[in-house]
Amino acid sequence: EVVEGDDAVHGYTEKLTAPTVEFTLSHTAQTSLKTLHDLIDTTVTFETDTGKSYIMRNAWTSEPPELTGGGGEVTMKMAGITCEES
């Protein structure tokens, strides 16, 4: 956020935000929405569309999983303590 004074821009301030990731996975007969909902203190590894990989540590499910696409997919949202490029 920009910090402006009467005479000039004085700099900026930063606000900490938890790293988050949203993704979709296939829903099968073995998929437990309750297990996905109850995830805490887990490690999430993911690769972006551009091929970069990240590791989110101490992650938890931040919103209840949702069935989408006629029940064939689950949309997940997770947050974590740290996220590093791997």
PDB file of N, CA and C in Angstrom:
ATOM      1  N   GLU A   1       0.851  -1.166   0.000  1.00  0.00           N
ATOM      2  CA  GLU A   1       0.000   0.000   0.000  1.00  0.00           C
ATOM      3  C   GLU A   1       0.895   1.226   0.000  1.00  0.00           C
ATOM      4  N   VAL A   2       0.580   2.182  -0.846  1.00  0.00           N
ATOM      5  CA  VAL A   2       1.369   3.401  -0.987  1.00  0.00           C
ATOM      6  C   VAL A   2       1.153   4.301   0.231  1.00  0.00           C
ATOM      7  N   VAL A   3       2.256   4.901   0.730  1.00  0.00           N
ATOM      8  CA  VAL A   3       2.180   5.892   1.802  1.00  0.00           C
ATOM      9  C   VAL A   3       2.509   7.237   1.175  1.00  0.00           C
ATOM     10  N   GLU A   4       1.503   8.114   1.145  1.00  0.00           N
ATOM     11  CA  GLU A   4       1.674   9.428   0.527  1.00  0.00           C
ATOM     12  C   GLU A   4       1.663  10.509   1.593  1.00  0.00           C
ATOM     13  N   GLY A   5       2.529  11.491   1.398  1.00  0.00           N
ATOM     14  CA  GLY A   5       2.550  12.658   2.270  1.00  0.00           C
ATOM     15  C   GLY A   5       2.015  13.857   1.509  1.00  0.00           C
ATOM     16  N   ASP A   6       2.026  15.013   2.163  1.00  0.00           N
ATOM     17  CA  ASP A   6       1.565  16.239   1.501  1.00  0.00           C
ATOM     18  C   ASP A   6       2.492  16.665   0.381  1.00  0.00           C
ATOM     19  N   ASP A   7       3.769  16.304   0.507  1.00  0.00           N
ATOM     20  CA  ASP A   7       4.748  16.798  -0.449  1.00  0.00           C
ATOM     21  C   ASP A   7       5.316  15.736  -1.390  1.00  0.00           C
ATOM     22  N   ALA A   8       5.142  14.443  -1.047  1.00  0.00           N
ATOM     23  CA  ALA A   8       5.743  13.385  -1.872  1.00  0.00           C
ATOM     24  C   ALA A   8       5.223  12.021  -1.445  1.00  0.00           C
ATOM     25  N   VAL A   9       5.582  11.035  -2.227  1.00  0.00           N
ATOM     26  CA  VAL A   9       5.328   9.645  -1.848  1.00  0.00           C
ATOM     27  C   VAL A   9       6.431   9.257  -0.859  1.00  0.00           C
ATOM     28  N   HIS A  10       6.057   8.755   0.299  1.00  0.00           N
ATOM     29  CA  HIS A  10       7.015   8.415   1.344  1.00  0.00           C
ATOM     30  C   HIS A  10       7.432   6.950   1.312  1.00  0.00           C
ATOM     31  N   GLY A  11       6.786   6.142   0.514  1.00  0.00           N
ATOM     32  CA  GLY A  11       7.137   4.728   0.427  1.00  0.00           C
ATOM     33  C   GLY A  11       5.904   3.856   0.380  1.00  0.00           C
ATOM     34  N   TYR A  12       5.974   2.742   1.090  1.00  0.00           N
ATOM     35  CA  TYR A  12       4.861   1.796   1.073  1.00  0.00           C
ATOM     36  C   TYR A  12       4.839   1.016   2.369  1.00  0.00           C
ATOM     37  N   THR A  13       3.721   0.354   2.625  1.00  0.00           N
ATOM     38  CA  THR A  13       3.597  -0.575   3.737  1.00  0.00           C
ATOM     39  C   THR A  13       3.175  -1.920   3.172  1.00  0.00           C
ATOM     40  N   GLU A  14       3.465  -2.978   3.906  1.00  0.00           N
ATOM     41  CA  GLU A  14       3.097  -4.323   3.477  1.00  0.00           C
ATOM     42  C   GLU A  14       2.206  -4.960   4.519  1.00  0.00           C
ATOM     43  N   LYS A  15       1.341  -5.832   4.058  1.00  0.00           N
ATOM     44  CA  LYS A  15       0.455  -6.585   4.940  1.00  0.00           C
ATOM     45  C   LYS A  15       0.688  -8.070   4.666  1.00  0.00           C
ATOM     46  N   LEU A  16       0.909  -8.844   5.722  1.00  0.00           N
ATOM     47  CA  LEU A  16       1.100 -10.283   5.553  1.00  0.00           C
ATOM     48  C   LEU A  16      -0.208 -10.952   5.143  1.00  0.00           C
ATOM     49  N   THR A  17      -0.100 -11.876   4.227  1.00  0.00           N
ATOM     50  CA  THR A  17      -1.238 -12.646   3.757  1.00  0.00           C
ATOM     51  C   THR A  17      -0.830 -14.115   3.680  1.00  0.00           C
ATOM     52  N   ALA A  18      -1.697 -14.985   4.162  1.00  0.00           N
ATOM     53  CA  ALA A  18      -1.403 -16.417   4.096  1.00  0.00           C
ATOM     54  C   ALA A  18      -1.382 -16.871   2.642  1.00  0.00           C
ATOM     55  N   PRO A  19      -0.422 -17.722   2.270  1.00  0.00           N
ATOM     56  CA  PRO A  19      -0.433 -18.278   0.921  1.00  0.00           C
ATOM     57  C   PRO A  19      -1.652 -19.185   0.732  1.00  0.00           C
ATOM     58  N   THR A  20      -2.237 -19.131  -0.450  1.00  0.00           N
ATOM     59  CA  THR A  20      -3.419 -19.945  -0.750  1.00  0.00           C
ATOM     60  C   THR A  20      -3.268 -20.590  -2.122  1.00  0.00           C
ATOM     61  N   VAL A  21      -4.000 -21.675  -2.314  1.00  0.00           N
ATOM     62  CA  VAL A  21      -4.055 -22.327  -3.614  1.00  0.00           C
ATOM     63  C   VAL A  21      -5.465 -22.880  -3.799  1.00  0.00           C
ATOM     64  N   GLU A  22      -5.960 -22.781  -5.012  1.00  0.00           N
ATOM     65  CA  GLU A  22      -7.265 -23.342  -5.368  1.00  0.00           C
ATOM     66  C   GLU A  22      -7.039 -24.303  -6.530  1.00  0.00           C
ATOM     67  N   PHE A  23      -7.637 -25.492  -6.440  1.00  0.00           N
ATOM     68  CA  PHE A  23      -7.422 -26.492  -7.476  1.00  0.00           C
ATOM     69  C   PHE A  23      -8.639 -27.406  -7.586  1.00  0.00           C
ATOM     70  N   THR A  24      -8.670 -28.170  -8.664  1.00  0.00           N
ATOM     71  CA  THR A  24      -9.749 -29.123  -8.924  1.00  0.00           C
ATOM     72  C   THR A  24      -9.136 -30.510  -9.043  1.00  0.00           C
ATOM     73  N   LEU A  25      -9.799 -31.491  -8.427  1.00  0.00           N
ATOM     74  CA  LEU A  25      -9.352 -32.875  -8.566  1.00  0.00           C
ATOM     75  C   LEU A  25     -10.535 -33.756  -8.934  1.00  0.00           C
ATOM     76  N   SER A  26     -10.237 -34.925  -9.448  1.00  0.00           N
ATOM     77  CA  SER A  26     -11.288 -35.855  -9.871  1.00  0.00           C
ATOM     78  C   SER A  26     -11.986 -36.456  -8.657  1.00  0.00           C
ATOM     79  N   HIS A  27     -13.297 -36.588  -8.752  1.00  0.00           N
ATOM     80  CA  HIS A  27     -14.087 -37.218  -7.697  1.00  0.00           C
ATOM     81  C   HIS A  27     -14.371 -38.652  -8.127  1.00  0.00           C
ATOM     82  N   THR A  28     -13.895 -39.609  -7.321  1.00  0.00           N
ATOM     83  CA  THR A  28     -14.121 -41.018  -7.605  1.00  0.00           C
ATOM     84  C   THR A  28     -14.852 -41.650  -6.429  1.00  0.00           C
ATOM     85  N   ALA A  29     -15.139 -42.938  -6.541  1.00  0.00           N
ATOM     86  CA  ALA A  29     -15.811 -43.652  -5.450  1.00  0.00           C
ATOM     87  C   ALA A  29     -14.951 -43.677  -4.189  1.00  0.00           C
ATOM     88  N   GLN A  30     -13.637 -43.531  -4.327  1.00  0.00           N
ATOM     89  CA  GLN A  30     -12.733 -43.560  -3.179  1.00  0.00           C
ATOM     90  C   GLN A  30     -12.493 -42.170  -2.568  1.00  0.00           C
ATOM     91  N   THR A  31     -13.013 -41.123  -3.192  1.00  0.00           N
ATOM     92  CA  THR A  31     -12.796 -39.761  -2.699  1.00  0.00           C
ATOM     93  C   THR A  31     -13.712 -39.472  -1.524  1.00  0.00           C
ATOM     94  N   SER A  32     -13.121 -39.080  -0.405  1.00  0.00           N
ATOM     95  CA  SER A  32     -13.893 -38.729   0.785  1.00  0.00           C
ATOM     96  C   SER A  32     -13.877 -37.213   0.964  1.00  0.00           C
ATOM     97  N   LEU A  33     -15.039 -36.571   0.775  1.00  0.00           N
ATOM     98  CA  LEU A  33     -15.127 -35.127   0.970  1.00  0.00           C
ATOM     99  C   LEU A  33     -14.831 -34.754   2.421  1.00  0.00           C
ATOM    100  N   LYS A  34     -15.213 -35.621   3.363  1.00  0.00           N
ATOM    101  CA  LYS A  34     -14.941 -35.346   4.778  1.00  0.00           C
ATOM    102  C   LYS A  34     -13.438 -35.342   5.036  1.00  0.00           C
ATOM    103  N   THR A  35     -12.722 -36.311   4.486  1.00  0.00           N
ATOM    104  CA  THR A  35     -11.270 -36.365   4.661  1.00  0.00           C
ATOM    105  C   THR A  35     -10.620 -35.116   4.072  1.00  0.00           C
ATOM    106  N   LEU A  36     -11.057 -34.711   2.876  1.00  0.00           N
ATOM    107  CA  LEU A  36     -10.525 -33.500   2.257  1.00  0.00           C
ATOM    108  C   LEU A  36     -10.843 -32.264   3.100  1.00  0.00           C
ATOM    109  N   HIS A  37     -12.052 -32.201   3.631  1.00  0.00           N
ATOM    110  CA  HIS A  37     -12.478 -31.081   4.471  1.00  0.00           C
ATOM    111  C   HIS A  37     -11.634 -30.987   5.743  1.00  0.00           C
ATOM    112  N   ASP A  38     -11.263 -32.135   6.305  1.00  0.00           N
ATOM    113  CA  ASP A  38     -10.574 -32.183   7.596  1.00  0.00           C
ATOM    114  C   ASP A  38      -9.052 -32.077   7.502  1.00  0.00           C
ATOM    115  N   LEU A  39      -8.497 -31.826   6.325  1.00  0.00           N
ATOM    116  CA  LEU A  39      -7.046 -31.737   6.188  1.00  0.00           C
ATOM    117  C   LEU A  39      -6.490 -30.565   6.997  1.00  0.00           C
ATOM    118  N   ILE A  40      -5.497 -30.862   7.839  1.00  0.00           N
ATOM    119  CA  ILE A  40      -4.775 -29.829   8.582  1.00  0.00           C
ATOM    120  C   ILE A  40      -3.311 -30.245   8.670  1.00  0.00           C
ATOM    121  N   ASP A  41      -2.447 -29.271   8.817  1.00  0.00           N
ATOM    122  CA  ASP A  41      -1.013 -29.502   8.989  1.00  0.00           C
ATOM    123  C   ASP A  41      -0.477 -30.484   7.950  1.00  0.00           C
ATOM    124  N   THR A  42      -0.811 -30.230   6.693  1.00  0.00           N
ATOM    125  CA  THR A  42      -0.394 -31.110   5.605  1.00  0.00           C
ATOM    126  C   THR A  42       0.520 -30.344   4.646  1.00  0.00           C
ATOM    127  N   THR A  43       1.185 -31.062   3.776  1.00  0.00           N
ATOM    128  CA  THR A  43       2.046 -30.457   2.762  1.00  0.00           C
ATOM    129  C   THR A  43       1.376 -30.611   1.405  1.00  0.00           C
ATOM    130  N   VAL A  44       1.291 -29.506   0.668  1.00  0.00           N
ATOM    131  CA  VAL A  44       0.680 -29.510  -0.662  1.00  0.00           C
ATOM    132  C   VAL A  44       1.773 -29.172  -1.676  1.00  0.00           C
ATOM    133  N   THR A  45       1.958 -30.040  -2.654  1.00  0.00           N
ATOM    134  CA  THR A  45       2.903 -29.795  -3.741  1.00  0.00           C
ATOM    135  C   THR A  45       2.090 -29.616  -5.013  1.00  0.00           C
ATOM    136  N   PHE A  46       2.361 -28.554  -5.753  1.00  0.00           N
ATOM    137  CA  PHE A  46       1.599 -28.338  -6.981  1.00  0.00           C
ATOM    138  C   PHE A  46       2.462 -27.693  -8.049  1.00  0.00           C
ATOM    139  N   GLU A  47       2.062 -27.946  -9.301  1.00  0.00           N
ATOM    140  CA  GLU A  47       2.746 -27.390 -10.459  1.00  0.00           C
ATOM    141  C   GLU A  47       1.769 -26.494 -11.208  1.00  0.00           C
ATOM    142  N   THR A  48       2.216 -25.304 -11.582  1.00  0.00           N
ATOM    143  CA  THR A  48       1.371 -24.360 -12.296  1.00  0.00           C
ATOM    144  C   THR A  48       1.309 -24.705 -13.780  1.00  0.00           C
ATOM    145  N   ASP A  49       0.441 -24.015 -14.501  1.00  0.00           N
ATOM    146  CA  ASP A  49       0.319 -24.221 -15.948  1.00  0.00           C
ATOM    147  C   ASP A  49       1.616 -23.879 -16.677  1.00  0.00           C
ATOM    148  N   THR A  50       2.451 -23.037 -16.072  1.00  0.00           N
ATOM    149  CA  THR A  50       3.710 -22.646 -16.705  1.00  0.00           C
ATOM    150  C   THR A  50       4.851 -23.592 -16.371  1.00  0.00           C
ATOM    151  N   GLY A  51       4.585 -24.624 -15.542  1.00  0.00           N
ATOM    152  CA  GLY A  51       5.596 -25.608 -15.215  1.00  0.00           C
ATOM    153  C   GLY A  51       6.354 -25.337 -13.922  1.00  0.00           C
ATOM    154  N   LYS A  52       6.095 -24.223 -13.252  1.00  0.00           N
ATOM    155  CA  LYS A  52       6.748 -23.939 -11.968  1.00  0.00           C
ATOM    156  C   LYS A  52       6.111 -24.789 -10.881  1.00  0.00           C
ATOM    157  N   SER A  53       6.929 -25.284  -9.946  1.00  0.00           N
ATOM    158  CA  SER A  53       6.448 -26.114  -8.841  1.00  0.00           C
ATOM    159  C   SER A  53       6.590 -25.369  -7.525  1.00  0.00           C
ATOM    160  N   TYR A  54       5.636 -25.605  -6.632  1.00  0.00           N
ATOM    161  CA  TYR A  54       5.618 -24.968  -5.320  1.00  0.00           C
ATOM    162  C   TYR A  54       5.297 -25.998  -4.246  1.00  0.00           C
ATOM    163  N   ILE A  55       5.766 -25.726  -3.027  1.00  0.00           N
ATOM    164  CA  ILE A  55       5.453 -26.557  -1.866  1.00  0.00           C
ATOM    165  C   ILE A  55       4.863 -25.654  -0.791  1.00  0.00           C
ATOM    166  N   MET A  56       3.625 -25.938  -0.386  1.00  0.00           N
ATOM    167  CA  MET A  56       2.971 -25.220   0.699  1.00  0.00           C
ATOM    168  C   MET A  56       2.995 -26.124   1.925  1.00  0.00           C
ATOM    169  N   ARG A  57       3.536 -25.593   3.015  1.00  0.00           N
ATOM    170  CA  ARG A  57       3.686 -26.396   4.232  1.00  0.00           C
ATOM    171  C   ARG A  57       2.703 -25.953   5.314  1.00  0.00           C
ATOM    172  N   ASN A  58       2.410 -26.875   6.226  1.00  0.00           N
ATOM    173  CA  ASN A  58       1.480 -26.624   7.329  1.00  0.00           C
ATOM    174  C   ASN A  58       0.147 -26.096   6.799  1.00  0.00           C
ATOM    175  N   ALA A  59      -0.338 -26.730   5.738  1.00  0.00           N
ATOM    176  CA  ALA A  59      -1.546 -26.267   5.051  1.00  0.00           C
ATOM    177  C   ALA A  59      -2.805 -26.891   5.649  1.00  0.00           C
ATOM    178  N   TRP A  60      -3.941 -26.217   5.408  1.00  0.00           N
ATOM    179  CA  TRP A  60      -5.243 -26.690   5.863  1.00  0.00           C
ATOM    180  C   TRP A  60      -6.285 -26.348   4.807  1.00  0.00           C
ATOM    181  N   THR A  61      -7.402 -27.064   4.827  1.00  0.00           N
ATOM    182  CA  THR A  61      -8.513 -26.771   3.934  1.00  0.00           C
ATOM    183  C   THR A  61      -9.186 -25.500   4.437  1.00  0.00           C
ATOM    184  N   SER A  62      -9.182 -24.449   3.610  1.00  0.00           N
ATOM    185  CA  SER A  62      -9.686 -23.147   4.054  1.00  0.00           C
ATOM    186  C   SER A  62     -11.167 -22.944   3.775  1.00  0.00           C
ATOM    187  N   GLU A  63     -11.733 -23.728   2.871  1.00  0.00           N
ATOM    188  CA  GLU A  63     -13.168 -23.691   2.574  1.00  0.00           C
ATOM    189  C   GLU A  63     -13.630 -25.118   2.316  1.00  0.00           C
ATOM    190  N   PRO A  64     -14.882 -25.428   2.611  1.00  0.00           N
ATOM    191  CA  PRO A  64     -15.365 -26.792   2.363  1.00  0.00           C
ATOM    192  C   PRO A  64     -15.209 -27.175   0.887  1.00  0.00           C
ATOM    193  N   PRO A  65     -14.779 -28.402   0.606  1.00  0.00           N
ATOM    194  CA  PRO A  65     -14.678 -28.861  -0.784  1.00  0.00           C
ATOM    195  C   PRO A  65     -16.056 -28.841  -1.448  1.00  0.00           C
ATOM    196  N   GLU A  66     -16.075 -28.539  -2.755  1.00  0.00           N
ATOM    197  CA  GLU A  66     -17.338 -28.468  -3.498  1.00  0.00           C
ATOM    198  C   GLU A  66     -17.316 -29.434  -4.668  1.00  0.00           C
ATOM    199  N   LEU A  67     -18.402 -30.197  -4.812  1.00  0.00           N
ATOM    200  CA  LEU A  67     -18.562 -31.034  -6.002  1.00  0.00           C
ATOM    201  C   LEU A  67     -18.989 -30.146  -7.159  1.00  0.00           C
ATOM    202  N   THR A  68     -18.317 -30.264  -8.300  1.00  0.00           N
ATOM    203  CA  THR A  68     -18.642 -29.471  -9.478  1.00  0.00           C
ATOM    204  C   THR A  68     -18.651 -30.374 -10.698  1.00  0.00           C
ATOM    205  N   GLY A  69     -18.959 -29.809 -11.824  1.00  0.00           N
ATOM    206  CA  GLY A  69     -18.897 -30.556 -13.075  1.00  0.00           C
ATOM    207  C   GLY A  69     -19.773 -31.792 -13.083  1.00  0.00           C
ATOM    208  N   GLY A  70     -20.992 -31.693 -12.554  1.00  0.00           N
ATOM    209  CA  GLY A  70     -21.892 -32.838 -12.515  1.00  0.00           C
ATOM    210  C   GLY A  70     -21.466 -33.886 -11.506  1.00  0.00           C
ATOM    211  N   GLY A  71     -20.668 -33.498 -10.517  1.00  0.00           N
ATOM    212  CA  GLY A  71     -20.221 -34.423  -9.477  1.00  0.00           C
ATOM    213  C   GLY A  71     -18.942 -35.148  -9.805  1.00  0.00           C
ATOM    214  N   GLY A  72     -18.326 -34.853 -10.952  1.00  0.00           N
ATOM    215  CA  GLY A  72     -17.109 -35.548 -11.345  1.00  0.00           C
ATOM    216  C   GLY A  72     -15.826 -34.888 -10.878  1.00  0.00           C
ATOM    217  N   GLU A  73     -15.951 -33.669 -10.310  1.00  0.00           N
ATOM    218  CA  GLU A  73     -14.769 -32.945  -9.853  1.00  0.00           C
ATOM    219  C   GLU A  73     -15.029 -32.333  -8.487  1.00  0.00           C
ATOM    220  N   VAL A  74     -13.944 -32.121  -7.746  1.00  0.00           N
ATOM    221  CA  VAL A  74     -14.010 -31.464  -6.448  1.00  0.00           C
ATOM    222  C   VAL A  74     -13.128 -30.224  -6.516  1.00  0.00           C
ATOM    223  N   THR A  75     -13.685 -29.076  -6.166  1.00  0.00           N
ATOM    224  CA  THR A  75     -12.912 -27.842  -6.083  1.00  0.00           C
ATOM    225  C   THR A  75     -12.443 -27.676  -4.647  1.00  0.00           C
ATOM    226  N   MET A  76     -11.133 -27.477  -4.492  1.00  0.00           N
ATOM    227  CA  MET A  76     -10.515 -27.336  -3.169  1.00  0.00           C
ATOM    228  C   MET A  76      -9.870 -25.964  -3.037  1.00  0.00           C
ATOM    229  N   LYS A  77      -9.930 -25.416  -1.826  1.00  0.00           N
ATOM    230  CA  LYS A  77      -9.186 -24.199  -1.490  1.00  0.00           C
ATOM    231  C   LYS A  77      -8.420 -24.486  -0.210  1.00  0.00           C
ATOM    232  N   MET A  78      -7.101 -24.230  -0.264  1.00  0.00           N
ATOM    233  CA  MET A  78      -6.252 -24.491   0.893  1.00  0.00           C
ATOM    234  C   MET A  78      -5.394 -23.268   1.171  1.00  0.00           C
ATOM    235  N   ALA A  79      -5.033 -23.102   2.432  1.00  0.00           N
ATOM    236  CA  ALA A  79      -4.126 -22.046   2.860  1.00  0.00           C
ATOM    237  C   ALA A  79      -3.019 -22.702   3.667  1.00  0.00           C
ATOM    238  N   GLY A  80      -1.899 -22.004   3.814  1.00  0.00           N
ATOM    239  CA  GLY A  80      -0.782 -22.574   4.551  1.00  0.00           C
ATOM    240  C   GLY A  80       0.042 -21.522   5.251  1.00  0.00           C
ATOM    241  N   ILE A  81       1.037 -21.980   5.992  1.00  0.00           N
ATOM    242  CA  ILE A  81       1.932 -21.087   6.711  1.00  0.00           C
ATOM    243  C   ILE A  81       2.994 -20.533   5.769  1.00  0.00           C
ATOM    244  N   THR A  82       3.581 -21.407   4.952  1.00  0.00           N
ATOM    245  CA  THR A  82       4.617 -20.976   3.999  1.00  0.00           C
ATOM    246  C   THR A  82       4.367 -21.623   2.651  1.00  0.00           C
ATOM    247  N   CYS A  83       4.903 -20.989   1.618  1.00  0.00           N
ATOM    248  CA  CYS A  83       4.859 -21.553   0.266  1.00  0.00           C
ATOM    249  C   CYS A  83       6.143 -21.131  -0.437  1.00  0.00           C
ATOM    250  N   GLU A  84       6.898 -22.127  -0.899  1.00  0.00           N
ATOM    251  CA  GLU A  84       8.170 -21.854  -1.558  1.00  0.00           C
ATOM    252  C   GLU A  84       8.192 -22.470  -2.953  1.00  0.00           C
ATOM    253  N   GLU A  85       8.874 -21.796  -3.854  1.00  0.00           N
ATOM    254  CA  GLU A  85       9.107 -22.366  -5.172  1.00  0.00           C
ATOM    255  C   GLU A  85      10.106 -23.506  -5.016  1.00  0.00           C
ATOM    256  N   SER A  86       9.827 -24.637  -5.666  1.00  0.00           N
ATOM    257  CA  SER A  86      10.742 -25.776  -5.532  1.00  0.00           C
ATOM    258  C   SER A  86      11.483 -26.044  -6.825  1.00  0.00           C
TER     259      SER A  86
END
